[in-house]
Every structure is written in structure tokens, then in C-alpha cells.
Amino acid sequence: MASQHGCMQFQRLVEKDQQYIRQTSNDILKLQPKQRLDARPFRSRHQFAGNVASAFCSLSGSSKDVNKPVENSALSSRASFLNAPSQHGKLDGKTFCFAGVCTFGDTAVGASPSVSEEKIGVLLLNLGGPDTLHDVEPFLFNLFADPDIIRLPRLFRFLQQPLAKLISVSRAPKSKEGYASIGGGSPLRKITDEQAHALRMALQAKQISANVYIGMRYWYPFTEEAIHQIKRDKVTRLVVLPLYPQYSISTSGSSIRLLQSIFREDPHLARLPVSIIESWYNRRGYIKAMATQIEKELMNFSSPEEVMIFFSAHGVPLSYVKDAGDPYRDQMEECISLIMAELKSRGVDNPHILAYQSRVGPVQWLKPYTDEVIVELGQKGTKSLLAVPVSFVSEHIETLEEIDMEYRELALESGIENWGRVPTLGCNSSFITDLADAVIEALPSASSMAASKNPRIEVDADPVQRAINVFFGSLFAFILLLAPKLLLAMRNAVP
């Protein structure tokens, strides 16, 4: 309901702004020649901002259904797409507008109202989720087949897919129970569709015409499908926007490396100017929207000032941070600090704590763990807890089932009497407006991806090597699956 309400707000926003756009259209065409817009770096190290408030560019593009499935999706080749380093475009510091035509450096990205020079695309990246219970096991396979999720040593990478099969088969029953409890499937695709529609309208309200596409990493519509549609639509400038506020190897990083590998293998895509917004956790619009959501939910408690604000973020293995240099923990801690500073400026000075949820397997993950912290808070006498899912902007199983059901029950059992949860931002109008601003700011920095190929991609692309890897990996997985039964049979055979 919150997402639908937010999208309706944007519909009203667009209608309200149309009159203003018509009134100012004549003024736009009267801009002085060689009017200069000073480009200023944005706060995020992955973004570059241009001061576009003093002039508008007429950027044309059709609005098509971004979720129409494409018949062929490259499911089996995903594991080879993941080690390309991230590329960043650089803004040359000069943006010029001439009578409605904007150029960034020497490349035109706008056109007069009568002639369209550019076709803008925005690609939203997200995790994806099973639409039905039948989809749970293949979704889990796609997830665990990603080398950025299970990082095997190079010597054992041939085991990636067999191991993913083994894990997905063993975890599917429990995961199906979780999805059944929230309606039989993930709402992530529906919510992301709504966010894409809201973002397109927000851009339109700022006189930027753009197609908005959705690329899911592990389920439909897959990233490959979105890229296929982008190519068919002849997009000439693309902004990539992961719907993860903080960057992590296992989320934004995985999706971006997949994109880079696809683009390098296609001569047309390799020349396409692309700007990637890798993280946006420190944007003022996002911080203010989060603070407003928290402030609103605090009012539902009888004593708001006594509530512990409990930030729960998705966890990652500790080795990602220590060994691979993942900036996720640092960005998360900075994000929490910015949100609490914003709340303090509004007179809200509640205690707060950050913990990490959703750990899997025997390895050590980022601490403290959400479940352990909830128990400790109850033991220390905390009576009111407000859970804030800080690494998610859409409702899905980790908010609807893990937080709303599992952690809530654990909190009540631990002595916490009053429980609340801040909804994800969804189509929150301030949030969507800020994403639209981020897209506009990223347009000048678009540049083509490097044409050099990654050695690992070349090795994994060898069909003979791949066949050998799959054969031995499958044989090993078969042995693992049968081992318990064989041992049981041998034990029973012993007199």
C-alpha cells in the first residue's frame, strides 16, 4: 500500500508540473549562447554532479514496458562474468547549453525539441526473487552459483555449479516455508516495477525523457534481458543505478561485473556511454527520507524517547571486508551516522545500534549478529525496539519474514514488550526524487567501458574447459549426494 501511495503521489506531481514546464519552455529556448554550467563533484566518490538547475536539456526517449521477458536468457554462462574491475567515467568539468542543446565536453546529449540526438536509458539493478514456490530452488541455484556469493579458490572453481546445486536442493524446503508465509513468492519484482515507473515520471517532471529498465541478478527479468531490450531500443546514453544504497562485492559489485562482461563481448555495447552509480548511501535525499520514516514510526510508541532504534543490515562474510577490501561495512556505518545526525538535528536523540542479519554457513560474518543483539537487548532491560532495515529499499523476504516474523518473535520472547518496524522506502516521493537527481547528475560522466578482456573470462569462455569442469564437478556433486546413503547402506550391511 505504501508503494502504491507513493507512485500515486508522483502521478499528481507530474500533472502539477506540466503547467510549469509549458510556461517555462519559451524561456528555455532563450538561453544565452555559451551559457556555462559549473560542474561540481558530488559527495559520493562514485558520482559527479553538474549544476543543471539553471537550464534544461530536451532529452527524448520512449517509455516502453521494461519488464517484458525475452525468450533466451544466459543462465548457464553467468559464472564467467564476475571478475572485471569496476570502471568509472570522469566529468571533464565543462557543460554547455546552446538554445536547448546540451553538450558535455564534445558529445551532445540533448537536442532541440524538434530534433532528437540522444536516447537516455536508466537501468535499475536488483537481486530478484522467486515469483512462486516452484521458482525457489532454481532461484537459489542462481544465487549460490555466483562466485561473488560463494568465493571458492581458483583451483576449486569447477565445483561452483555442482556446489550451488547441492545447496539449493538442501535449502529449498526451508526457503519455501519462508516464501509461503509471505504469500507464496517475493514481492520484489512488483515493487521494483513501481519504483521504475515512479522514477520515469520523476525524470519526466524534470523534463528528462528516459526509458527505465529493470535487471535482476538471480531471477526474471534477468540483467541479460534488460540489456537485450536496451540494445533493441537503441539507447545512446545509459545510467546504471543499483537499488542497493551501500556498495558490496556481493550485491552491486556482482551485478556491475556481469554488466561489464556483457558489454565487453558486444562491440556496439562497448561503445555505449555508460555512467554507473555504485553507491548513494550518503545522498541528502536518501538520508532525509530515512530519517522521516524513522521519526514517523517513533510516534507510534507511547514513549518515543525511550525507544531503541535498531538498524538491521544484510550481512556479508567478514573475509569480504578483511581480505577483498569490500567497503560495505564502512559505508554502512557512515550511513547510520548520517541518519542519526539528521534525526538529532530534528530533536530526536534516541539510542541506536547496528547489527547484521541473514548469515549463512559456518564462516564468520560481519558482527554483531541481529539475533544475538536482540537477545542481549532484552536481557539488559530494553522494552521498546524499532527495527530499521537499512540496506533495503524494497520489501522482500528478509524484511517481511525474517524481521517481521522471526526477529519480532525473538524480541518478544527476550523480554522486549513494544516492537515496531520502519517500512522500506519503496516509492517514497522524496526518495524517488533524489534518485532522479542522481541520474541527472550522472549523465555527464557517461563513458564507454574499456574494451580489454579479463583473463578469467577468456578461460571460462573456453567450451572444452567448461565441459571438463562441469563433468568433474557434476561427478563430485553426485558422490556428495550419494555419500550419506552409501555409508548408511554399508553400516546396515555390517553384521
Protein backbone atom coordinates (compact mmCIF):
# COMPACT_ATOMS: atom_id res chain seq x y z
CA MET A 1 0.00 0.00 0.00
CA ALA A 2 2.84 2.39 0.83
CA SER A 3 4.47 1.81 -2.56
CA GLN A 4 1.21 2.34 -4.44
CA HIS A 5 0.51 5.54 -2.49
CA GLY A 6 3.97 6.84 -3.31
CA CYS A 7 3.51 6.16 -7.02
CA MET A 8 0.12 7.93 -6.98
CA GLN A 9 1.86 10.92 -5.41
CA PHE A 10 4.19 11.00 -8.37
CA GLN A 11 1.32 10.92 -10.83
CA ARG A 12 -0.09 14.04 -9.17
CA LEU A 13 3.38 15.58 -9.16
CA VAL A 14 3.77 15.13 -12.92
CA GLU A 15 0.31 16.62 -13.61
CA LYS A 16 1.11 19.61 -11.42
CA ASP A 17 4.43 20.24 -13.12
CA GLN A 18 3.15 20.08 -16.68
CA GLN A 19 1.75 23.61 -16.50
CA TYR A 20 5.06 24.90 -15.15
CA ILE A 21 7.01 23.14 -17.91
CA ARG A 22 4.79 24.69 -20.61
CA GLN A 23 5.17 28.14 -19.10
CA THR A 24 8.96 27.89 -18.97
CA SER A 25 9.51 26.25 -22.36
CA ASN A 26 9.82 29.60 -24.12
CA ASP A 27 12.39 30.76 -21.57
CA ILE A 28 14.43 27.61 -22.11
CA LEU A 29 14.84 28.41 -25.80
CA LYS A 30 16.07 31.93 -24.93
CA LEU A 31 19.15 30.79 -23.05
CA GLN A 32 22.20 32.90 -23.80
CA PRO A 33 24.77 31.30 -26.15
CA LYS A 34 27.63 29.54 -24.46
CA GLN A 35 25.90 29.59 -21.10
CA ARG A 36 28.20 27.66 -18.76
CA LEU A 37 27.07 25.32 -16.04
CA ASP A 38 29.77 24.75 -13.48
CA ALA A 39 30.11 21.02 -12.74
CA ARG A 40 30.78 20.25 -9.07
CA PRO A 41 31.81 16.85 -7.64
CA PHE A 42 29.11 15.15 -5.62
CA ARG A 43 29.67 13.78 -2.14
CA SER A 44 29.86 10.16 -3.28
CA ARG A 45 33.22 9.06 -4.64
CA HIS A 46 31.36 7.21 -7.43
CA GLN A 47 29.38 10.18 -8.76
CA PHE A 48 29.94 13.55 -10.42
CA ALA A 49 27.36 16.30 -10.19
CA GLY A 50 26.58 19.07 -12.65
CA ASN A 51 24.62 22.14 -11.62
CA VAL A 52 21.74 21.64 -14.06
CA ALA A 53 19.25 23.76 -12.14
CA SER A 54 19.80 26.86 -14.31
CA ALA A 55 18.98 25.23 -17.66
CA PHE A 56 17.04 22.27 -19.05
CA CYS A 57 18.00 19.88 -21.81
CA SER A 58 15.40 18.30 -24.04
CA LEU A 59 16.31 14.62 -23.89
CA SER A 60 13.96 12.33 -25.76
CA GLY A 61 13.14 8.66 -25.28
CA SER A 62 10.10 6.44 -25.45
CA SER A 63 8.60 4.76 -22.40
CA LYS A 64 8.17 1.07 -23.02
CA ASP A 65 7.28 -1.84 -20.81
CA VAL A 66 10.58 -2.59 -19.12
CA ASN A 67 9.54 -5.99 -17.86
CA LYS A 68 8.55 -7.85 -21.00
CA PRO A 69 10.54 -11.11 -20.83
CA VAL A 70 12.99 -12.07 -23.54
CA GLU A 71 12.91 -15.70 -24.62
CA ASN A 72 16.60 -16.53 -24.23
CA SER A 73 18.42 -15.61 -21.04
CA ALA A 74 22.00 -16.62 -20.38
CA LEU A 75 21.52 -18.61 -17.19
CA SER A 76 24.28 -21.13 -17.67
CA SER A 77 27.02 -18.63 -18.52
CA ARG A 78 26.67 -16.33 -15.52
CA ALA A 79 29.58 -17.68 -13.50
CA SER A 80 32.08 -16.39 -16.10
CA PHE A 81 31.01 -12.77 -15.85
CA LEU A 82 32.28 -11.74 -12.45
CA ASN A 83 35.86 -10.53 -12.06
CA ALA A 84 36.07 -7.43 -14.23
CA PRO A 85 37.17 -4.37 -12.26
CA SER A 86 34.73 -1.51 -11.98
CA GLN A 87 35.14 1.38 -14.43
CA HIS A 88 34.32 4.98 -13.59
CA GLY A 89 33.61 7.72 -16.11
CA LYS A 90 35.11 11.15 -15.44
CA LEU A 91 33.45 14.51 -15.94
CA ASP A 92 35.64 16.99 -17.78
CA GLY A 93 34.23 19.87 -15.76
CA LYS A 94 32.52 21.59 -18.67
CA THR A 95 28.85 21.52 -19.57
CA PHE A 96 27.45 23.89 -22.19
CA CYS A 97 23.92 24.62 -23.41
CA PHE A 98 23.11 26.27 -26.72
CA ALA A 99 19.44 27.12 -27.25
CA GLY A 100 18.16 23.88 -25.75
CA VAL A 101 21.01 21.65 -26.98
CA CYS A 102 23.33 20.48 -24.18
CA THR A 103 26.83 19.16 -24.71
CA PHE A 104 29.11 17.55 -22.17
CA GLY A 105 32.63 18.05 -23.47
CA ASP A 106 32.37 17.32 -27.19
CA THR A 107 29.44 14.90 -27.01
CA ALA A 108 25.87 16.07 -27.46
CA VAL A 109 23.41 14.54 -25.00
CA GLY A 110 20.46 16.79 -25.65
CA ALA A 111 18.60 18.14 -28.63
CA SER A 112 16.26 20.88 -29.60
CA PRO A 113 12.59 19.98 -29.19
CA SER A 114 12.33 19.23 -32.92
CA VAL A 115 15.42 17.04 -33.34
CA SER A 116 16.28 14.15 -31.02
CA GLU A 117 20.02 13.49 -30.70
CA GLU A 118 20.05 11.21 -27.64
CA LYS A 119 18.00 8.40 -26.21
CA ILE A 120 18.50 8.09 -22.46
CA GLY A 121 18.19 4.80 -20.60
CA VAL A 122 18.26 4.08 -16.87
CA LEU A 123 18.97 0.51 -15.74
CA LEU A 124 17.85 -0.39 -12.22
CA LEU A 125 19.72 -3.36 -10.77
CA ASN A 126 18.32 -5.55 -8.02
CA LEU A 127 18.62 -9.02 -6.53
CA GLY A 128 15.41 -10.59 -7.82
CA GLY A 129 13.26 -13.14 -6.07
CA PRO A 130 11.12 -16.19 -6.85
CA ASP A 131 7.64 -15.34 -8.09
CA THR A 132 6.20 -18.67 -6.94
CA LEU A 133 7.19 -21.53 -4.63
CA HIS A 134 8.12 -23.55 -7.71
CA ASP A 135 10.75 -20.91 -8.51
CA VAL A 136 12.51 -21.09 -5.14
CA GLU A 137 15.00 -23.86 -5.92
CA PRO A 138 16.19 -22.52 -9.32
CA PHE A 139 16.42 -19.04 -7.79
CA LEU A 140 18.63 -20.39 -5.01
CA PHE A 141 20.78 -22.18 -7.58
CA ASN A 142 21.34 -18.93 -9.50
CA LEU A 143 22.20 -17.21 -6.23
CA PHE A 144 24.77 -19.72 -4.99
CA ALA A 145 26.25 -20.27 -8.46
CA ASP A 146 27.52 -16.68 -8.32
CA PRO A 147 31.24 -16.69 -7.38
CA ASP A 148 30.68 -13.39 -5.58
CA ILE A 149 28.30 -15.17 -3.19
CA ILE A 150 30.38 -18.32 -2.63
CA ARG A 151 34.01 -17.41 -3.24
CA LEU A 152 35.90 -20.62 -3.99
CA PRO A 153 39.67 -20.79 -4.52
CA ARG A 154 40.61 -20.82 -8.21
CA LEU A 155 41.65 -24.48 -8.00
CA PHE A 156 38.12 -25.47 -6.97
CA ARG A 157 36.04 -23.13 -9.12
CA PHE A 158 34.91 -26.05 -11.27
CA LEU A 159 32.82 -27.04 -8.25
CA GLN A 160 30.84 -23.78 -8.26
CA GLN A 161 27.71 -25.00 -10.04
CA PRO A 162 27.63 -28.51 -8.53
CA LEU A 163 28.00 -26.98 -5.08
CA ALA A 164 25.24 -24.49 -5.90
CA LYS A 165 23.01 -27.38 -6.91
CA LEU A 166 23.71 -29.22 -3.68
CA ILE A 167 23.00 -26.15 -1.52
CA SER A 168 19.87 -25.13 -3.42
CA VAL A 169 18.38 -28.62 -3.13
CA SER A 170 19.09 -28.81 0.60
CA ARG A 171 17.89 -25.26 1.42
CA ALA A 172 14.81 -25.18 -0.83
CA PRO A 173 12.33 -26.77 1.63
CA LYS A 174 13.05 -24.27 4.41
CA SER A 175 13.12 -21.35 1.98
CA LYS A 176 9.77 -22.41 0.55
CA GLU A 177 8.28 -22.23 4.04
CA GLY A 178 9.52 -18.67 4.34
CA TYR A 179 8.09 -17.59 1.00
CA ALA A 180 4.82 -19.39 1.74
CA SER A 181 4.47 -17.29 4.90
CA ILE A 182 4.60 -14.04 2.89
CA GLY A 183 2.14 -15.05 0.21
CA GLY A 184 3.89 -17.71 -1.88
CA GLY A 185 6.53 -15.59 -3.58
CA SER A 186 8.66 -12.47 -3.44
CA PRO A 187 7.03 -9.06 -3.99
CA LEU A 188 10.38 -7.62 -5.13
CA ARG A 189 9.62 -7.59 -8.83
CA LYS A 190 6.28 -5.82 -8.39
CA ILE A 191 7.78 -3.18 -6.11
CA THR A 192 10.74 -2.63 -8.43
CA ASP A 193 8.31 -2.20 -11.34
CA GLU A 194 6.54 0.50 -9.33
CA GLN A 195 9.83 2.20 -8.49
CA ALA A 196 10.85 2.16 -12.16
CA HIS A 197 7.55 3.76 -13.15
CA ALA A 198 7.84 6.37 -10.40
CA LEU A 199 11.42 7.18 -11.41
CA ARG A 200 10.42 7.64 -15.05
CA MET A 201 7.69 10.08 -14.01
CA ALA A 202 10.08 11.93 -11.69
CA LEU A 203 12.54 12.34 -14.55
CA GLN A 204 9.74 13.45 -16.83
CA ALA A 205 8.74 16.08 -14.25
CA LYS A 206 12.31 17.39 -14.51
CA GLN A 207 11.98 17.45 -18.34
CA ILE A 208 14.21 14.42 -18.83
CA SER A 209 12.69 11.76 -21.07
CA ALA A 210 14.16 8.34 -20.38
CA ASN A 211 13.39 4.65 -20.63
CA VAL A 212 13.75 2.88 -17.27
CA TYR A 213 14.74 -0.80 -17.37
CA ILE A 214 14.96 -3.47 -14.67
CA GLY A 215 17.74 -6.04 -14.48
CA MET A 216 17.54 -8.68 -11.74
CA ARG A 217 20.65 -10.65 -10.87
CA TYR A 218 19.15 -14.03 -9.99
CA TRP A 219 15.60 -14.11 -11.37
CA TYR A 220 13.34 -12.64 -14.02
CA PRO A 221 13.68 -10.15 -15.60
CA PHE A 222 17.38 -11.02 -15.75
CA THR A 223 20.05 -8.41 -16.43
CA GLU A 224 20.70 -10.03 -19.81
CA GLU A 225 17.07 -9.45 -20.79
CA ALA A 226 17.27 -5.79 -19.84
CA ILE A 227 20.47 -5.30 -21.86
CA HIS A 228 18.82 -7.01 -24.83
CA GLN A 229 15.93 -4.54 -24.64
CA ILE A 230 18.28 -1.57 -24.21
CA LYS A 231 20.06 -2.58 -27.39
CA ARG A 232 16.79 -3.03 -29.29
CA ASP A 233 15.61 0.40 -28.16
CA LYS A 234 18.85 1.94 -29.49
CA VAL A 235 19.65 3.71 -26.23
CA THR A 236 22.56 6.11 -26.77
CA ARG A 237 23.41 7.00 -23.14
CA LEU A 238 22.87 4.77 -20.13
CA VAL A 239 22.86 5.36 -16.37
CA VAL A 240 23.19 2.23 -14.23
CA LEU A 241 21.58 2.54 -10.81
CA PRO A 242 21.81 -0.41 -8.38
CA LEU A 243 18.98 -0.31 -5.85
CA TYR A 244 21.44 -1.01 -3.03
CA PRO A 245 22.36 2.16 -1.09
CA GLN A 246 25.72 0.75 0.01
CA TYR A 247 28.20 -0.95 -2.32
CA SER A 248 29.18 -4.55 -1.67
CA ILE A 249 31.06 -7.12 -3.72
CA SER A 250 28.11 -9.50 -3.37
CA THR A 251 25.36 -7.07 -4.47
CA SER A 252 26.18 -4.06 -6.64
CA GLY A 253 29.63 -5.46 -7.40
CA SER A 254 28.31 -8.73 -8.77
CA SER A 255 25.73 -7.04 -11.00
CA ILE A 256 28.21 -4.45 -12.28
CA ARG A 257 30.81 -7.09 -13.16
CA LEU A 258 28.16 -9.02 -15.06
CA LEU A 259 27.29 -5.87 -17.00
CA GLN A 260 30.93 -5.17 -17.81
CA SER A 261 31.50 -8.65 -19.18
CA ILE A 262 28.38 -8.45 -21.37
CA PHE A 263 29.38 -5.04 -22.69
CA ARG A 264 32.95 -6.09 -23.48
CA GLU A 265 31.73 -9.01 -25.58
CA ASP A 266 29.48 -6.79 -27.73
CA PRO A 267 31.18 -4.17 -29.97
CA HIS A 268 28.07 -1.96 -30.02
CA LEU A 269 27.60 -2.00 -26.26
CA ALA A 270 31.33 -1.47 -25.68
CA ARG A 271 30.98 1.95 -27.33
CA LEU A 272 27.83 2.94 -25.44
CA PRO A 273 28.42 5.80 -22.96
CA VAL A 274 27.58 4.41 -19.52
CA SER A 275 27.60 6.02 -16.08
CA ILE A 276 27.48 3.71 -13.05
CA ILE A 277 26.24 4.99 -9.70
CA GLU A 278 27.89 2.40 -7.48
CA SER A 279 26.56 3.70 -4.15
CA TRP A 280 24.34 6.51 -2.91
CA TYR A 281 24.05 5.88 0.84
CA ASN A 282 25.22 9.42 1.66
CA ARG A 283 22.87 11.40 -0.58
CA ARG A 284 20.94 14.04 1.30
CA GLY A 285 17.61 12.99 -0.19
CA TYR A 286 18.05 9.38 0.90
CA ILE A 287 19.23 10.34 4.40
CA LYS A 288 16.32 12.74 4.90
CA ALA A 289 13.79 10.18 3.64
CA MET A 290 15.12 7.54 6.05
CA ALA A 291 15.08 9.99 8.96
CA THR A 292 11.50 10.97 8.17
CA GLN A 293 10.38 7.33 8.09
CA ILE A 294 12.04 6.65 11.45
CA GLU A 295 10.63 9.81 13.02
CA LYS A 296 7.13 8.86 11.88
CA GLU A 297 7.32 5.31 13.26
CA LEU A 298 8.66 6.51 16.62
CA MET A 299 5.39 8.38 17.11
CA ASN A 300 3.54 5.05 17.25
CA PHE A 301 5.17 4.26 20.64
CA SER A 302 3.66 5.56 23.87
CA SER A 303 7.10 6.83 24.96
CA PRO A 304 9.01 7.60 21.73
CA GLU A 305 12.07 8.95 23.54
CA GLU A 306 12.69 5.56 25.21
CA VAL A 307 12.74 3.52 22.00
CA MET A 308 15.96 1.85 20.90
CA ILE A 309 16.48 2.42 17.15
CA PHE A 310 17.71 -0.92 15.85
CA PHE A 311 19.38 -0.78 12.41
CA SER A 312 19.47 -4.24 10.82
CA ALA A 313 21.60 -4.57 7.70
CA HIS A 314 22.17 -7.53 5.43
CA GLY A 315 25.39 -9.25 6.46
CA VAL A 316 28.38 -10.31 4.36
CA PRO A 317 31.21 -12.70 5.23
CA LEU A 318 33.96 -10.97 7.21
CA SER A 319 36.52 -12.12 4.63
CA TYR A 320 34.89 -9.85 2.03
CA VAL A 321 35.83 -6.84 4.13
CA LYS A 322 39.19 -8.01 5.51
CA ASP A 323 40.59 -9.90 2.51
CA ALA A 324 38.79 -8.46 -0.53
CA GLY A 325 38.52 -4.84 0.60
CA ASP A 326 34.73 -4.63 0.45
CA PRO A 327 33.72 -1.07 1.55
CA TYR A 328 30.28 -2.26 2.69
CA ARG A 329 30.86 -2.07 6.46
CA ASP A 330 32.46 1.39 6.31
CA GLN A 331 29.67 2.72 4.10
CA MET A 332 27.02 1.20 6.35
CA GLU A 333 28.49 2.75 9.48
CA GLU A 334 28.79 6.14 7.79
CA CYS A 335 25.20 5.84 6.57
CA ILE A 336 23.92 5.19 10.11
CA SER A 337 25.94 8.12 11.41
CA LEU A 338 24.40 10.44 8.81
CA ILE A 339 20.86 9.27 9.56
CA MET A 340 21.30 9.73 13.30
CA ALA A 341 22.84 13.19 12.74
CA GLU A 342 19.79 14.15 10.68
CA LEU A 343 17.47 12.86 13.41
CA LYS A 344 19.42 14.77 16.06
CA SER A 345 19.03 17.97 14.05
CA ARG A 346 15.26 17.39 14.33
CA GLY A 347 15.41 16.93 18.09
CA VAL A 348 15.38 13.11 18.02
CA ASP A 349 18.24 11.76 20.16
CA ASN A 350 17.30 8.13 20.78
CA PRO A 351 19.89 5.43 21.44
CA HIS A 352 20.69 3.27 18.43
CA ILE A 353 22.60 0.15 17.45
CA LEU A 354 23.63 -1.54 14.19
CA ALA A 355 23.62 -5.31 13.63
CA TYR A 356 23.82 -7.66 10.64
CA GLN A 357 21.30 -10.30 9.63
CA SER A 358 20.91 -13.24 7.20
CA ARG A 359 24.21 -15.04 7.79
CA VAL A 360 24.56 -18.43 6.11
CA GLY A 361 27.03 -21.26 6.69
CA PRO A 362 29.83 -21.84 9.20
CA VAL A 363 32.09 -18.91 8.21
CA GLN A 364 32.30 -15.72 10.26
CA TRP A 365 30.13 -12.85 9.04
CA LEU A 366 30.08 -9.18 9.98
CA LYS A 367 29.20 -8.74 13.64
CA PRO A 368 27.26 -8.13 15.77
CA TYR A 369 24.56 -10.53 14.58
CA THR A 370 20.98 -9.30 14.65
CA ASP A 371 19.52 -12.27 16.54
CA GLU A 372 22.21 -12.17 19.23
CA VAL A 373 21.85 -8.42 19.74
CA ILE A 374 18.07 -8.71 20.15
CA VAL A 375 18.52 -11.27 22.93
CA GLU A 376 21.17 -9.12 24.64
CA LEU A 377 18.96 -6.02 24.50
CA GLY A 378 16.11 -7.94 26.10
CA GLN A 379 18.40 -9.18 28.85
CA LYS A 380 19.60 -5.64 29.53
CA GLY A 381 16.05 -4.39 30.03
CA THR A 382 15.23 -2.74 26.70
CA LYS A 383 11.44 -2.62 26.44
CA SER A 384 10.83 -0.78 23.15
CA LEU A 385 12.58 -1.57 19.88
CA LEU A 386 12.17 0.00 16.43
CA ALA A 387 13.72 -2.14 13.68
CA VAL A 388 15.09 -0.27 10.66
CA PRO A 389 16.04 -2.36 7.58
CA VAL A 390 18.78 -0.03 6.37
CA SER A 391 20.27 -1.91 3.42
CA PHE A 392 16.94 -2.49 1.66
CA VAL A 393 14.68 -0.08 -0.25
CA SER A 394 12.05 -2.70 -1.15
CA GLU A 395 10.06 -5.17 0.91
CA HIS A 396 11.07 -8.80 0.40
CA ILE A 397 11.59 -11.98 2.39
CA GLU A 398 14.32 -10.54 4.63
CA THR A 399 12.02 -7.76 5.82
CA LEU A 400 8.61 -9.44 5.66
CA GLU A 401 9.60 -12.82 7.08
CA GLU A 402 13.00 -12.58 8.74
CA ILE A 403 12.47 -9.23 10.50
CA ASP A 404 8.67 -9.05 10.83
CA MET A 405 8.23 -12.65 11.95
CA GLU A 406 11.43 -14.30 13.17
CA TYR A 407 13.08 -11.31 14.86
CA ARG A 408 9.83 -9.93 16.22
CA GLU A 409 9.04 -13.27 17.86
CA LEU A 410 12.59 -13.47 19.23
CA ALA A 411 12.30 -9.93 20.63
CA LEU A 412 9.06 -10.66 22.45
CA GLU A 413 10.50 -13.89 23.86
CA SER A 414 13.56 -11.96 25.07
CA GLY A 415 11.54 -9.51 27.15
CA ILE A 416 11.08 -6.67 24.67
CA GLU A 417 7.47 -5.57 25.05
CA ASN A 418 6.98 -2.99 22.29
CA TRP A 419 8.08 -3.76 18.74
CA GLY A 420 7.94 -1.60 15.65
CA ARG A 421 9.44 -1.70 12.19
CA VAL A 422 10.17 1.10 9.72
CA PRO A 423 8.86 0.24 6.24
CA THR A 424 11.29 0.29 3.34
CA LEU A 425 11.28 3.43 1.20
CA GLY A 426 9.57 1.85 -1.82
CA CYS A 427 8.05 4.70 -3.86
CA ASN A 428 8.55 7.36 -1.19
CA SER A 429 8.32 10.62 -3.13
CA SER A 430 11.40 12.28 -1.59
CA PHE A 431 13.44 9.14 -2.18
CA ILE A 432 12.40 8.76 -5.82
CA THR A 433 13.02 12.45 -6.48
CA ASP A 434 16.53 12.06 -5.09
CA LEU A 435 17.17 9.03 -7.32
CA ALA A 436 16.04 11.13 -10.30
CA ASP A 437 18.51 13.84 -9.28
CA ALA A 438 21.26 11.22 -9.01
CA VAL A 439 20.50 10.04 -12.56
CA ILE A 440 20.64 13.58 -13.94
CA GLU A 441 23.91 14.26 -12.12
CA ALA A 442 25.42 11.05 -13.51
CA LEU A 443 24.63 11.74 -17.17
CA PRO A 444 27.68 13.95 -17.86
CA SER A 445 30.13 11.31 -16.63
CA ALA A 446 28.96 8.59 -19.02
CA SER A 447 31.79 6.97 -20.94
CA SER A 448 32.28 3.75 -22.87
CA MET A 449 33.50 0.71 -20.97
CA ALA A 450 37.07 -0.49 -21.52
CA ALA A 451 37.46 -2.93 -24.41
CA SER A 452 40.13 -5.02 -22.68
CA LYS A 453 39.10 -8.53 -21.73
CA ASN A 454 39.51 -10.10 -18.35
CA PRO A 455 41.76 -13.23 -18.35
CA ARG A 456 39.31 -15.20 -16.28
CA ILE A 457 36.54 -14.54 -18.76
CA GLU A 458 38.68 -15.92 -21.56
CA VAL A 459 39.46 -19.09 -19.60
CA ASP A 460 35.87 -19.67 -18.52
CA ALA A 461 34.62 -18.99 -22.03
CA ASP A 462 36.61 -21.95 -23.41
CA PRO A 463 33.89 -24.55 -24.21
CA VAL A 464 36.24 -27.52 -23.78
CA GLN A 465 37.44 -26.32 -20.39
CA ARG A 466 33.88 -25.58 -19.34
CA ALA A 467 32.75 -29.09 -20.35
CA ILE A 468 35.60 -30.66 -18.36
CA ASN A 469 34.78 -28.52 -15.33
CA VAL A 470 31.09 -29.38 -15.49
CA PHE A 471 31.80 -33.11 -15.90
CA PHE A 472 34.14 -33.43 -12.92
CA GLY A 473 32.10 -31.03 -10.84
CA SER A 474 28.91 -32.95 -11.52
CA LEU A 475 30.65 -36.23 -10.69
CA PHE A 476 31.88 -34.77 -7.40
CA ALA A 477 28.39 -33.44 -6.56
CA PHE A 478 26.88 -36.84 -7.40
CA ILE A 479 29.29 -38.51 -4.99
CA LEU A 480 28.44 -35.96 -2.28
CA LEU A 481 24.73 -36.56 -2.73
CA LEU A 482 25.08 -40.34 -2.58
CA ALA A 483 27.70 -40.49 0.18
CA PRO A 484 25.25 -40.45 3.12
CA LYS A 485 23.11 -43.21 1.57
CA LEU A 486 26.16 -45.34 0.72
CA LEU A 487 27.51 -45.01 4.26
CA LEU A 488 24.13 -45.93 5.69
CA ALA A 489 23.89 -48.97 3.40
CA MET A 490 27.39 -50.13 4.34
CA ARG A 491 26.63 -49.69 8.03
CA ASN A 492 23.46 -51.74 7.72
CA ALA A 493 25.34 -54.44 5.81
CA VAL A 494 27.86 -54.94 8.60
CA PRO A 495 26.68 -57.87 10.81
